[in-house]
């Protein structure tokens, strides 16, 4: 299984300078997939990104202001998804990169700040050991707002 078309459409509507505030709606549409037992990697990646992005960007940009999403549950969702994938993350450079970068940028949003700062550094070292030259932005092509965000981040010379 992959990310539902509805979710990808909502993510794509948010992209670019004139994007619509549809990321909260994408989160609302994807969360039931996770809660119903889907443990697909792509679902997990997008769900963590959406939960994180909804925490760090203003509600009028993401659509959270007009959404029934419980803002206080976003960090719990992020951690739940991360905890599921944690046993296999060491061999997954993409997941190491995206989770590590999100933790690096805003560790205090995810819970215990020192713990997430440590996770960010551990994941950076692990990802760099697997892919010393860094991930290619092309890895994120056609993957909605998630892909757009991380393609931009991977383009930063000597970035995370």
Protein backbone atom coordinates (compact mmCIF):
# COMPACT_ATOMS: atom_id res chain seq x y z
CA UNK A 1 0.00 0.00 0.00
CA UNK A 2 1.10 3.56 -0.54
CA UNK A 3 -0.21 6.92 0.51
CA UNK A 4 -3.87 7.39 -0.54
CA UNK A 5 -4.42 9.57 -3.62
CA UNK A 6 -6.67 11.89 -1.60
CA UNK A 7 -3.83 12.65 0.80
CA UNK A 8 -1.32 13.23 -1.97
CA UNK A 9 -3.80 15.54 -3.74
CA UNK A 10 -4.27 17.58 -0.55
CA UNK A 11 -0.50 17.79 -0.06
CA UNK A 12 -0.03 18.89 -3.67
CA UNK A 13 -2.65 21.63 -3.27
CA UNK A 14 -0.52 23.15 -0.50
CA UNK A 15 2.66 23.35 -2.56
CA UNK A 16 4.28 26.49 -3.86
CA UNK A 17 3.95 30.16 -3.11
CA UNK A 18 0.20 30.23 -3.71
CA UNK A 19 -0.54 26.89 -2.10
CA UNK A 20 -3.79 26.29 -0.26
CA UNK A 21 -3.89 25.57 3.49
CA UNK A 22 -4.69 21.87 3.04
CA UNK A 23 -2.08 20.08 5.14
CA UNK A 24 -4.33 19.72 8.19
CA UNK A 25 -6.91 18.09 5.92
CA UNK A 26 -4.20 15.76 4.57
CA UNK A 27 -3.30 14.81 8.16
CA UNK A 28 -6.98 14.21 8.97
CA UNK A 29 -7.31 11.95 5.94
CA UNK A 30 -4.11 9.99 6.64
CA UNK A 31 -4.41 9.45 10.39
CA UNK A 32 -7.24 6.88 10.06
CA UNK A 33 -4.98 4.80 7.79
CA UNK A 34 -2.45 4.57 10.61
CA UNK A 35 -5.05 4.01 13.30
CA UNK A 36 -6.67 1.22 11.29
CA UNK A 37 -3.38 -0.66 11.25
CA UNK A 38 -1.60 0.46 8.08
CA UNK A 39 2.09 0.41 8.86
CA UNK A 40 3.21 1.22 5.35
CA UNK A 41 6.51 3.12 5.35
CA UNK A 42 5.20 5.88 3.04
CA UNK A 43 2.14 6.38 5.26
CA UNK A 44 4.47 6.68 8.26
CA UNK A 45 6.81 9.14 6.58
CA UNK A 46 3.99 11.42 5.47
CA UNK A 47 2.17 11.18 8.79
CA UNK A 48 5.27 12.15 10.78
CA UNK A 49 5.97 15.01 8.41
CA UNK A 50 2.40 16.30 8.54
CA UNK A 51 2.22 16.09 12.34
CA UNK A 52 5.56 17.91 12.64
CA UNK A 53 4.74 20.54 10.04
CA UNK A 54 1.39 21.29 11.68
CA UNK A 55 3.26 21.90 14.94
CA UNK A 56 5.90 24.22 13.51
CA UNK A 57 4.02 26.31 10.96
CA UNK A 58 1.18 28.78 11.57
CA UNK A 59 -2.34 27.39 11.43
CA UNK A 60 -3.43 29.77 8.69
CA UNK A 61 -0.67 28.32 6.45
CA UNK A 62 -1.44 24.66 7.17
CA UNK A 63 -5.21 24.85 7.63
CA UNK A 64 -4.95 23.83 11.28
CA UNK A 65 -6.88 26.95 12.34
CA UNK A 66 -9.98 25.65 10.56
CA UNK A 67 -9.47 21.99 11.40
CA UNK A 68 -10.83 19.72 14.12
CA UNK A 69 -7.34 18.20 14.56
CA UNK A 70 -6.37 18.17 18.23
CA UNK A 71 -3.14 20.15 18.18
CA UNK A 72 -2.04 18.63 21.49
CA UNK A 73 -2.01 15.14 19.95
CA UNK A 74 0.39 15.92 17.09
CA UNK A 75 3.59 15.15 18.99
CA UNK A 76 2.04 11.90 20.23
CA UNK A 77 1.26 10.86 16.66
CA UNK A 78 4.80 11.71 15.56
CA UNK A 79 6.30 9.68 18.42
CA UNK A 80 3.92 6.75 17.87
CA UNK A 81 4.90 6.46 14.22
CA UNK A 82 8.58 6.92 15.01
CA UNK A 83 8.44 4.26 17.73
CA UNK A 84 6.96 1.79 15.26
CA UNK A 85 9.78 2.31 12.75
CA UNK A 86 12.60 2.76 15.26
CA UNK A 87 13.70 -0.93 15.21
CA UNK A 88 14.40 -0.75 11.45
CA UNK A 89 15.43 2.88 11.04
CA UNK A 90 19.20 2.25 11.24
CA UNK A 91 19.18 0.74 7.74
CA UNK A 92 16.90 3.37 6.18
CA UNK A 93 18.83 6.49 5.13
CA UNK A 94 15.72 8.40 4.07
CA UNK A 95 13.96 7.84 7.35
CA UNK A 96 17.12 8.63 9.32
CA UNK A 97 17.45 11.86 7.35
CA UNK A 98 13.87 13.11 7.58
CA UNK A 99 13.24 12.16 11.21
CA UNK A 100 16.67 13.40 12.22
CA UNK A 101 16.22 16.71 10.43
CA UNK A 102 12.79 17.31 11.92
CA UNK A 103 14.17 16.54 15.38
CA UNK A 104 17.19 18.75 14.73
CA UNK A 105 15.12 21.75 13.67
CA UNK A 106 12.51 21.66 16.45
CA UNK A 107 13.36 19.09 19.14
CA UNK A 108 11.22 20.84 21.73
CA UNK A 109 8.08 20.23 19.65
CA UNK A 110 8.52 16.46 19.84
CA UNK A 111 8.72 16.05 23.61
CA UNK A 112 11.82 15.84 25.76
CA UNK A 113 14.15 18.35 24.08
CA UNK A 114 17.50 16.82 25.17
CA UNK A 115 16.30 13.37 24.10
CA UNK A 116 15.23 14.56 20.63
CA UNK A 117 18.42 16.61 20.23
CA UNK A 118 20.34 13.40 20.91
CA UNK A 119 18.17 11.44 18.45
CA UNK A 120 18.81 14.09 15.80
CA UNK A 121 22.58 13.80 16.20
CA UNK A 122 22.50 9.99 16.29
CA UNK A 123 20.38 9.85 13.13
CA UNK A 124 22.57 12.39 11.32
CA UNK A 125 25.67 10.30 12.00
CA UNK A 126 23.91 7.09 10.97
CA UNK A 127 22.49 8.56 7.79
CA UNK A 128 25.84 10.11 6.82
CA UNK A 129 27.55 6.75 7.40
CA UNK A 130 25.11 5.11 4.98
CA UNK A 131 25.06 7.93 2.41
CA UNK A 132 28.16 10.12 2.88
CA UNK A 133 27.35 12.23 -0.19
CA UNK A 134 23.81 12.88 1.05
CA UNK A 135 20.43 12.04 -0.41
CA UNK A 136 19.48 13.17 -3.89
CA UNK A 137 16.58 15.61 -4.17
CA UNK A 138 15.22 13.33 -6.92
CA UNK A 139 14.40 10.75 -4.23
CA UNK A 140 11.55 13.04 -3.17
CA UNK A 141 10.06 13.71 -6.62
CA UNK A 142 6.28 13.32 -6.96
CA UNK A 143 5.78 12.82 -3.23
CA UNK A 144 3.58 15.81 -2.37
CA UNK A 145 4.40 18.43 0.23
CA UNK A 146 6.56 15.90 2.04
CA UNK A 147 8.67 15.47 -1.07
CA UNK A 148 8.82 19.17 -1.85
CA UNK A 149 10.00 20.01 1.66
CA UNK A 150 12.74 17.41 1.87
CA UNK A 151 13.89 17.84 -1.74
CA UNK A 152 14.56 21.46 -0.82
CA UNK A 153 16.41 20.45 2.33
CA UNK A 154 18.60 17.92 0.53
CA UNK A 155 19.63 20.68 -1.88
CA UNK A 156 21.35 22.61 0.92
CA UNK A 157 25.09 22.17 0.45
CA UNK A 158 26.59 20.58 3.57
CA UNK A 159 23.16 20.63 5.19
CA UNK A 160 21.93 18.21 7.78
